[in-house]
Protein backbone atom coordinates (compact mmCIF):
# COMPACT_ATOMS: atom_id res chain seq x y z
CA MET A 1 -0.09 -0.42 -0.15
CA ALA A 2 1.49 3.32 -0.95
CA GLU A 3 2.31 5.96 1.78
CA ALA A 4 -0.13 8.60 1.86
CA GLN A 5 1.44 11.97 0.85
CA PRO A 6 0.69 15.64 2.15
CA GLY A 7 -2.09 16.86 1.14
CA LYS A 8 -2.01 19.58 -1.55
CA GLY A 9 -4.46 22.56 -1.61
CA ASN A 10 -4.87 25.26 -3.67
CA GLY A 11 -6.26 28.17 -1.72
CA ASN A 12 -7.91 31.51 -2.48
CA ASN A 13 -8.35 34.03 0.31
CA ASN A 14 -11.36 35.97 -0.11
CA ASN A 15 -13.50 34.57 -2.14
CA GLY A 16 -13.11 31.35 -2.10
CA ASN A 17 -14.80 27.95 -1.15
CA GLY A 18 -13.43 26.28 1.92
CA GLY A 19 -12.39 26.92 5.14
CA ASN A 20 -15.04 26.94 7.94
CA ASN A 21 -18.20 24.64 7.59
CA GLY A 22 -16.24 22.82 4.83
CA ASN A 23 -17.52 19.56 4.04
CA GLY A 24 -15.11 16.69 2.28
CA ASN A 25 -14.05 13.69 2.15
CA GLY A 26 -10.43 14.21 3.50
CA GLY A 27 -7.58 12.55 3.02
CA ASN A 28 -5.00 12.98 0.58
CA ASN A 29 -4.72 14.86 -2.57
CA GLY A 30 -7.60 17.34 -1.67
CA ASN A 31 -8.06 20.40 -3.43
CA GLY A 32 -9.95 23.14 -1.33
CA ASN A 33 -10.29 26.65 -1.52
CA GLY A 34 -10.24 28.39 1.64
CA GLY A 35 -10.80 31.55 3.27
CA ASN A 36 -13.58 33.75 4.34
CA ASN A 37 -16.74 33.81 2.50
CA GLY A 38 -15.58 30.76 0.39
CA ASN A 39 -17.04 28.00 -1.38
CA GLY A 40 -14.46 24.42 -1.20
CA ASN A 41 -13.96 21.96 -3.21
CA GLY A 42 -11.65 19.16 -1.93
CA ASN A 43 -10.76 15.80 -2.77
CA GLY A 44 -8.99 14.79 0.38
CA GLY A 45 -7.45 11.65 1.14
CA ASN A 46 -7.00 8.72 -0.81
CA ASN A 47 -9.41 10.07 -3.83
CA GLY A 48 -11.69 11.20 -2.11
CA ASN A 49 -13.91 14.39 -2.59
CA GLY A 50 -14.89 17.01 -0.32
CA ASN A 51 -17.12 19.63 -0.55
CA GLY A 52 -16.85 22.44 1.79
CA ASN A 53 -18.41 25.84 2.50
CA GLY A 54 -15.86 27.78 4.42
CA GLY A 55 -16.41 31.43 6.10
CA HIS A 56 -19.56 33.10 6.66
CA ASN A 57 -22.45 31.24 5.17
CA TYR A 58 -24.61 33.83 3.21
CA PRO A 59 -27.69 32.89 1.02
CA PRO A 60 -27.09 33.85 -2.52
CA PRO A 61 -28.35 37.56 -3.63
CA SER A 62 -32.02 37.28 -4.70
CA THR A 63 -33.09 38.75 -8.10
CA PRO A 64 -35.78 41.62 -7.36
CA PRO A 65 -38.68 41.12 -9.83
CA PRO A 66 -39.09 43.65 -12.59
CA THR A 67 -39.61 46.86 -11.56
CA THR A 68 -42.99 48.03 -14.04
CA TYR A 69 -43.17 51.82 -14.39
CA THR A 70 -46.68 53.53 -14.36
CA PRO A 71 -46.23 57.25 -15.45
CA PRO A 72 -48.20 59.63 -13.45
CA PRO A 73 -51.40 60.46 -14.90
CA SER A 74 -50.53 63.03 -17.07
CA THR A 75 -52.43 66.92 -17.01
CA PRO A 76 -53.97 68.02 -20.75
CA THR A 77 -51.92 70.80 -22.05
CA ILE A 78 -54.45 74.15 -22.24
CA TYR A 79 -53.14 75.92 -25.47
CA THR A 80 -52.90 79.32 -24.74
CA PRO A 81 -52.09 81.67 -27.67
CA PRO A 82 -49.94 84.32 -27.30
CA SER A 83 -51.05 87.05 -26.44
CA ILE A 84 -50.79 89.71 -29.60
CA PRO A 85 -50.18 93.54 -28.12
CA THR A 86 -52.67 95.88 -28.72
CA VAL A 87 -52.14 98.72 -31.13
CA TYR A 88 -53.77 101.51 -30.64
CA THR A 89 -55.43 103.28 -33.98
CA HIS A 90 -56.38 106.79 -33.54
CA PRO A 91 -59.56 107.08 -35.59
CA SER A 92 -59.22 108.83 -38.88
CA PRO A 93 -61.18 112.60 -39.19
CA PRO A 94 -64.15 112.20 -40.85
CA PRO A 95 -64.33 113.74 -44.30
CA PRO A 96 -64.59 117.31 -44.83
CA SER A 97 -68.24 118.32 -45.25
CA THR A 98 -69.58 120.73 -47.56
CA PRO A 99 -70.71 124.08 -45.15
CA THR A 100 -74.24 124.51 -44.98
CA PRO A 101 -75.26 127.78 -46.44
CA PRO A 102 -77.08 129.60 -43.76
CA THR A 103 -80.84 129.75 -44.20
CA THR A 104 -81.98 133.32 -45.49
CA TYR A 105 -85.01 134.69 -43.53
CA THR A 106 -87.63 135.92 -45.54
CA PRO A 107 -89.92 138.11 -43.77
CA PRO A 108 -93.64 137.83 -44.49
CA PRO A 109 -94.82 141.30 -46.23
CA PRO A 110 -96.34 143.84 -44.40
CA PRO A 111 -99.79 143.41 -43.65
CA MET A 112 -102.01 145.54 -45.90
CA ARG A 113 -103.51 148.70 -45.25
CA VAL A 114 -106.70 149.94 -46.42
CA ILE A 115 -108.81 152.98 -45.90
CA CYS A 116 -113.04 153.58 -46.38
CA LYS A 117 -113.60 155.69 -49.67
CA ASN A 118 -117.13 156.15 -48.97
CA VAL A 119 -117.65 159.86 -48.61
CA TYR A 120 -121.35 159.50 -47.13
CA TYR A 121 -119.56 157.92 -44.05
CA ARG A 122 -117.64 161.16 -42.67
CA GLN A 123 -116.40 159.24 -39.17
CA CYS A 124 -114.93 156.64 -41.29
CA PHE A 125 -114.12 158.24 -44.49
CA ASN A 126 -110.00 158.37 -45.51
CA LEU A 127 -108.77 156.55 -42.26
CA PRO A 128 -106.17 153.98 -42.75
CA PHE A 129 -107.14 150.66 -41.33
CA VAL A 130 -104.42 147.71 -41.17
CA CYS A 131 -105.73 144.14 -42.30
CA PRO A 132 -106.38 141.60 -39.73
CA SER A 133 -103.87 138.49 -38.99
CA SER A 134 -106.06 136.16 -40.94
CA CYS A 135 -106.45 137.97 -44.05
CA PRO A 136 -102.87 140.46 -44.13
CA SER A 137 -103.40 141.21 -47.58
CA ALA A 138 -107.14 140.90 -48.63
CA CYS A 139 -109.41 142.88 -46.70
CA ALA A 140 -111.40 145.75 -47.12
CA VAL A 141 -112.96 148.58 -44.98
CA ASP A 142 -116.78 148.09 -43.92
CA CYS A 143 -117.77 151.98 -43.89
CA VAL A 144 -120.97 151.54 -41.71
CA THR A 145 -118.57 149.48 -38.47
CA CYS A 146 -115.59 151.35 -39.52
CA LYS A 147 -113.80 148.03 -39.36
CA PRO A 148 -111.68 146.29 -41.50
CA VAL A 149 -112.77 142.91 -42.81
CA CYS A 150 -111.51 140.10 -44.40
CA HIS A 151 -113.08 139.66 -48.26
CA CYS A 152 -113.49 136.08 -47.42
CA ASP A 153 -115.69 137.07 -44.60
CA ARG A 154 -118.17 139.65 -46.39
CA PRO A 155 -121.39 138.99 -48.13
CA GLY A 156 -120.47 138.35 -51.66
CA ALA A 157 -117.51 136.05 -51.38
CA VAL A 158 -116.60 132.53 -52.70
CA CYS A 159 -113.13 131.33 -51.14
CA GLN A 160 -111.62 128.31 -49.98
CA ASP A 161 -113.26 124.91 -50.49
CA PRO A 162 -114.98 126.84 -51.45
CA ARG A 163 -117.30 128.19 -48.96
CA PHE A 164 -119.94 131.22 -50.04
CA ILE A 165 -121.46 133.53 -47.86
CA GLY A 166 -124.92 134.47 -49.51
CA GLY A 167 -126.25 138.11 -49.87
CA ASP A 168 -128.34 137.43 -46.82
CA GLY A 169 -125.36 136.76 -44.66
CA THR A 170 -125.87 133.16 -44.74
CA THR A 171 -122.73 130.89 -45.03
CA PHE A 172 -122.53 128.01 -46.65
CA TYR A 173 -120.57 125.28 -49.03
CA PHE A 174 -121.07 124.20 -52.96
CA HIS A 175 -118.50 121.45 -53.56
CA GLY A 176 -119.47 120.67 -57.31
CA LYS A 177 -117.23 117.88 -59.10
CA LYS A 178 -113.71 118.37 -59.93
CA ASP A 179 -112.76 119.58 -63.61
CA GLN A 180 -116.21 120.88 -64.11
CA ASP A 181 -118.18 124.63 -64.67
CA PHE A 182 -121.06 126.04 -62.67
CA CYS A 183 -122.72 129.03 -62.64
CA LEU A 184 -122.36 131.30 -59.86
CA VAL A 185 -124.71 133.97 -60.95
CA SER A 186 -127.39 133.97 -63.99
CA ASP A 187 -129.41 137.35 -64.50
CA SER A 188 -130.75 139.06 -67.75
CA ASN A 189 -127.39 141.19 -68.00
CA LEU A 190 -124.80 139.52 -65.84
CA HIS A 191 -123.60 135.77 -66.07
CA ILE A 192 -120.83 134.30 -63.93
CA ASN A 193 -119.23 130.31 -64.88
CA ALA A 194 -116.56 128.92 -62.55
CA HIS A 195 -114.05 126.85 -63.38
CA PHE A 196 -113.38 123.59 -60.33
CA ILE A 197 -110.19 122.18 -60.10
CA GLY A 198 -110.10 119.74 -57.36
CA ARG A 199 -108.45 116.02 -55.76
CA ARG A 200 -111.12 113.12 -55.10
CA ASN A 201 -111.31 112.24 -51.53
CA GLU A 202 -112.22 108.56 -51.29
CA ASN A 203 -113.13 108.16 -47.23
CA MET A 204 -115.52 111.31 -47.98
CA GLY A 205 -117.36 110.01 -51.29
CA ARG A 206 -116.89 113.45 -52.71
CA ASP A 207 -114.27 116.01 -54.27
CA PHE A 208 -112.18 118.69 -52.59
CA THR A 209 -113.06 121.39 -54.71
CA TRP A 210 -111.28 124.95 -55.45
CA VAL A 211 -112.27 127.64 -57.77
CA GLN A 212 -109.35 128.03 -60.43
CA SER A 213 -111.34 130.64 -63.03
CA ILE A 214 -114.46 132.50 -63.67
CA VAL A 215 -115.77 133.63 -66.81
CA ILE A 216 -118.25 137.24 -66.66
CA LEU A 217 -120.60 137.37 -69.12
CA PHE A 218 -122.04 141.20 -69.52
CA GLU A 219 -123.81 143.02 -72.29
CA ASN A 220 -121.55 141.46 -75.44
CA HIS A 221 -118.48 141.21 -73.75
CA GLN A 222 -116.45 138.11 -71.94
CA LEU A 223 -114.02 138.74 -69.25
CA PHE A 224 -111.98 136.14 -68.11
CA LEU A 225 -109.54 135.77 -64.94
CA GLY A 226 -107.95 132.56 -63.81
CA ALA A 227 -104.97 130.92 -61.84
CA LEU A 228 -102.05 129.61 -64.11
CA LYS A 229 -100.98 126.04 -62.57
CA THR A 230 -98.21 126.07 -60.10
CA SER A 231 -95.52 123.37 -57.99
CA THR A 232 -93.82 125.82 -55.64
CA TRP A 233 -95.43 128.84 -54.62
CA ASP A 234 -94.07 132.06 -54.65
CA ASP A 235 -95.75 135.25 -54.24
CA SER A 236 -93.25 137.44 -56.14
CA VAL A 237 -94.74 135.48 -59.51
CA ASP A 238 -97.67 137.12 -60.59
CA ARG A 239 -99.72 133.85 -61.41
CA LEU A 240 -102.93 135.79 -62.75
CA ILE A 241 -104.08 135.71 -66.15
CA LEU A 242 -106.86 137.97 -67.64
CA THR A 243 -108.62 138.31 -71.02
CA LEU A 244 -111.31 140.44 -72.19
CA ASP A 245 -112.74 139.73 -74.90
CA GLY A 246 -110.04 137.67 -75.83
CA GLU A 247 -107.56 140.05 -75.58
CA PRO A 248 -104.88 139.56 -72.65
CA VAL A 249 -105.13 142.51 -70.27
CA THR A 250 -101.44 143.51 -68.64
CA LEU A 251 -100.74 145.52 -65.62
CA PRO A 252 -97.25 147.00 -64.45
CA GLU A 253 -96.47 144.84 -61.23
CA SER A 254 -97.11 147.56 -58.68
CA GLN A 255 -99.58 147.92 -56.32
CA GLY A 256 -102.36 150.43 -57.59
CA ALA A 257 -101.55 149.97 -61.34
CA LYS A 258 -104.62 150.77 -63.32
CA TRP A 259 -105.84 149.36 -66.94
CA GLN A 260 -108.89 150.37 -68.48
CA SER A 261 -111.18 149.99 -71.21
CA GLY A 262 -114.34 152.14 -71.74
CA LYS A 263 -116.77 151.01 -68.62
CA VAL A 264 -114.33 148.12 -67.19
CA SER A 265 -111.21 148.69 -64.87
CA ILE A 266 -109.09 146.65 -64.07
CA THR A 267 -106.41 147.42 -60.88
CA ARG A 268 -103.72 145.93 -58.91
CA ALA A 269 -104.95 145.35 -55.36
CA GLY A 270 -101.54 144.31 -54.67
CA ALA A 271 -98.22 144.07 -56.71
CA THR A 272 -99.26 140.45 -57.80
CA ASN A 273 -101.59 138.04 -57.51
CA TYR A 274 -104.09 140.33 -56.53
CA VAL A 275 -106.74 142.37 -58.72
CA THR A 276 -110.02 144.09 -58.01
CA VAL A 277 -112.25 144.09 -61.78
CA GLU A 278 -114.92 146.80 -61.99
CA VAL A 279 -117.51 147.37 -64.60
CA GLU A 280 -119.56 150.74 -63.96
CA GLY A 281 -123.03 150.67 -62.66
CA ASN A 282 -122.67 146.10 -62.84
CA PHE A 283 -120.41 144.79 -60.66
CA LYS A 284 -117.25 144.82 -58.68
CA ILE A 285 -114.95 141.88 -58.28
CA THR A 286 -112.04 141.15 -56.03
CA ALA A 287 -109.89 138.22 -57.45
CA LYS A 288 -107.16 136.90 -55.44
CA VAL A 289 -104.66 133.82 -56.44
CA VAL A 290 -103.81 131.65 -53.06
CA PRO A 291 -102.49 128.54 -52.90
CA ILE A 292 -103.40 125.21 -51.06
CA THR A 293 -100.16 125.34 -48.25
CA GLU A 294 -98.71 122.54 -46.95
CA GLU A 295 -100.59 123.26 -43.37
CA ASP A 296 -104.22 123.48 -45.25
CA SER A 297 -103.23 120.18 -46.70
CA ARG A 298 -102.33 118.45 -43.25
CA ILE A 299 -105.04 120.30 -40.97
CA HIS A 300 -107.78 119.09 -43.82
CA ASN A 301 -105.99 116.04 -45.23
CA TYR A 302 -106.02 117.06 -48.89
CA GLY A 303 -103.22 115.23 -49.86
CA ILE A 304 -101.66 117.87 -52.10
CA THR A 305 -98.14 117.36 -53.11
CA LYS A 306 -95.39 119.22 -54.29
CA GLU A 307 -95.97 118.78 -57.95
CA ASP A 308 -99.08 121.04 -57.68
CA CYS A 309 -99.74 123.49 -55.33
CA PHE A 310 -103.66 123.87 -56.68
CA ALA A 311 -103.52 127.44 -56.92
CA HIS A 312 -107.06 128.75 -56.65
CA LEU A 313 -108.96 131.96 -56.62
CA ASP A 314 -110.58 133.57 -53.49
CA LEU A 315 -113.18 135.80 -54.64
CA GLY A 316 -115.35 139.07 -53.46
CA PHE A 317 -118.74 139.90 -55.53
CA LYS A 318 -120.69 143.33 -55.14
CA PHE A 319 -123.24 143.79 -57.57
CA TYR A 320 -124.86 146.68 -58.42
CA SER A 321 -128.07 146.16 -60.68
CA LEU A 322 -129.48 142.63 -60.27
CA SER A 323 -132.75 141.72 -61.15
CA ASN A 324 -135.55 140.11 -59.23
CA GLU A 325 -135.22 137.09 -61.11
CA VAL A 326 -131.30 136.43 -60.47
CA HIS A 327 -130.30 132.93 -59.92
CA GLY A 328 -127.17 130.78 -59.27
CA VAL A 329 -125.13 129.29 -56.70
CA LEU A 330 -124.42 132.65 -55.09
CA GLY A 331 -126.95 134.95 -56.86
CA GLN A 332 -130.15 133.21 -55.64
CA THR A 333 -129.39 134.27 -52.18
CA TYR A 334 -129.75 138.23 -53.70
CA LYS A 335 -133.12 137.53 -54.55
CA PRO A 336 -135.97 139.77 -52.44
CA GLY A 337 -137.52 137.44 -49.78
CA TYR A 338 -135.12 134.55 -50.53
CA VAL A 339 -135.38 131.69 -47.84
CA SER A 340 -132.79 129.57 -47.62
CA ARG A 341 -132.97 125.35 -47.45
CA LEU A 342 -130.03 125.11 -45.56
CA ASN A 343 -129.66 123.07 -42.79
CA ILE A 344 -128.26 126.29 -40.91
CA GLY A 345 -127.44 123.52 -37.56
CA ALA A 346 -125.33 121.33 -39.49
CA LYS A 347 -121.75 122.23 -39.06
CA MET A 348 -120.62 122.94 -42.70
CA PRO A 349 -124.10 123.47 -44.51
CA VAL A 350 -124.05 122.41 -47.88
CA MET A 351 -125.93 123.64 -50.82
CA GLY A 352 -127.28 121.04 -53.21
CA GLY A 353 -128.17 121.56 -57.00
CA TYR A 354 -125.51 120.02 -58.72
CA ARG A 355 -127.83 119.22 -62.00
CA ASP A 356 -129.53 123.01 -61.59
CA PHE A 357 -126.33 124.76 -62.02
CA HIS A 358 -123.41 122.68 -64.05
CA THR A 359 -122.69 124.08 -67.82
CA SER A 360 -121.54 122.88 -70.38
CA SER A 361 -118.08 124.61 -70.59
CA LEU A 362 -116.69 127.63 -68.79
CA PHE A 363 -118.00 130.16 -71.49
CA ALA A 364 -121.69 128.98 -71.71
CA PRO A 365 -124.53 130.31 -69.72
CA ASP A 366 -126.76 127.23 -70.63
CA CYS A 367 -127.00 125.73 -66.60
CA ALA A 368 -131.00 125.09 -65.80
CA VAL A 369 -131.37 127.93 -63.87
CA ALA A 370 -129.63 130.24 -66.73
CA ARG A 371 -131.21 134.07 -67.26
CA PHE A 372 -128.86 135.58 -69.39
CA THR A 373 -130.07 137.20 -72.52
CA GLY A 374 -126.92 139.66 -73.11
CA SER A 375 -125.58 138.84 -76.87
CA SER A 376 -122.33 136.82 -76.85
CA ASP A 377 -120.04 134.82 -78.84
CA SER A 378 -119.17 131.86 -77.18
CA GLY A 379 -116.54 130.78 -79.73
CA ALA A 380 -114.24 134.21 -79.28
CA LEU A 381 -112.44 132.34 -76.30
CA MET A 382 -111.27 129.15 -75.78
CA MET A 383 -111.09 127.05 -73.02
CA PRO A 384 -108.18 127.47 -70.82
CA SER A 385 -107.12 123.80 -70.70
CA GLU A 386 -106.87 124.42 -74.83
CA MET A 387 -105.05 127.96 -74.76
CA PRO A 388 -101.72 127.46 -75.88
CA GLY A 389 -98.81 128.71 -74.72
CA LEU A 390 -97.51 131.69 -76.52
CA SER A 391 -95.12 135.12 -77.07
CA CYS A 392 -97.05 138.08 -77.27
CA GLY A 393 -95.32 140.65 -78.67
CA SER A 394 -96.11 142.98 -75.77
CA GLY A 395 -93.95 140.81 -73.91
CA ILE A 396 -96.62 139.03 -71.64
CA GLY A 397 -96.19 134.68 -72.48
CA GLY A 398 -97.65 131.32 -70.96
CA ARG A 399 -100.36 128.97 -70.94
CA GLY A 400 -103.88 130.42 -71.49
CA VAL A 401 -102.64 133.95 -73.13
CA VAL A 402 -104.14 134.60 -76.56
CA CYS A 403 -102.91 137.01 -78.86
CA LYS A 404 -104.08 139.26 -81.33
CA ARG A 405 -103.25 138.30 -85.00
């Protein structure tokens, strides 16, 4: 038997196997790893195998479970646009405006002054009076009462829509129809027809009417007075047309200017649009051209437009030699013992008799109650609506003027 040899070993201090707590099958020829914290494997003795753990006995480190990363809940990002700095823009100045011309105030004409010319009233004769404010340019003196009175408030007046004041002092209305002719006075030696213009009032069932022109037949003469149609009213512009037996009557535009032919005289009571016509021993008529104002239209609901101011005549009649048989819308009120058939208690007493007073033309004395016997040639003049616009050698011209050839 061979002798056992001393054992040979390889040892690594530190990090070796062996040392304490080693298990080995001892003997020779053992291999061991010693030292602290070592694991030793040794074969000792006779071909023995030994295992030993030396040093401190620590369990092998455990492998930690994998860590799962959970991110914190994200907060939604709110987009805030960058603020844009406010740039102050100075407002641009308005474009230069055209300066409004100053309004020129035109004062109304001064009221007319009138005097009593009747020498039989000594206490009033030749005294001056100022026309009332209600009729500043159309009045006369009542020499009996010695007071100025508006023409439209005296007996014989035909004014406005049209309103009549009869010879008996009764006030009434006669509307007739627009664009037709009616006899106002008919007597043996005097006949007066009137041409009515107007506007239809559907709510009232009748026309608003005004007297636009008149024709006066006396003896063998025909006298025409008319208001020319106009849109914008200007009292400084004369809109009155006069003819005698077809010849135009021209008057200077100044108050007091007078034209005379035989027994016929025509005098301007104002510079324009106002005349007095007198035939000696027969009649005296005042005629003034007036418009329908915007205020009149508003108050009475006439519906007047700017295209036509409905220029018409305000008339005043005075008669010197009427017979007891006189008739017509106004003429009958001068009969002795005339009894009115009007409803005097009514707010607007209206005289009927449309058919009795209607005439076939402005120049025809053919109404049902006609009394005229004087000679006249109805063809001597044309209807105002048919009169051509001519320019005469005298300088006067326009619609309604007839020149001598």
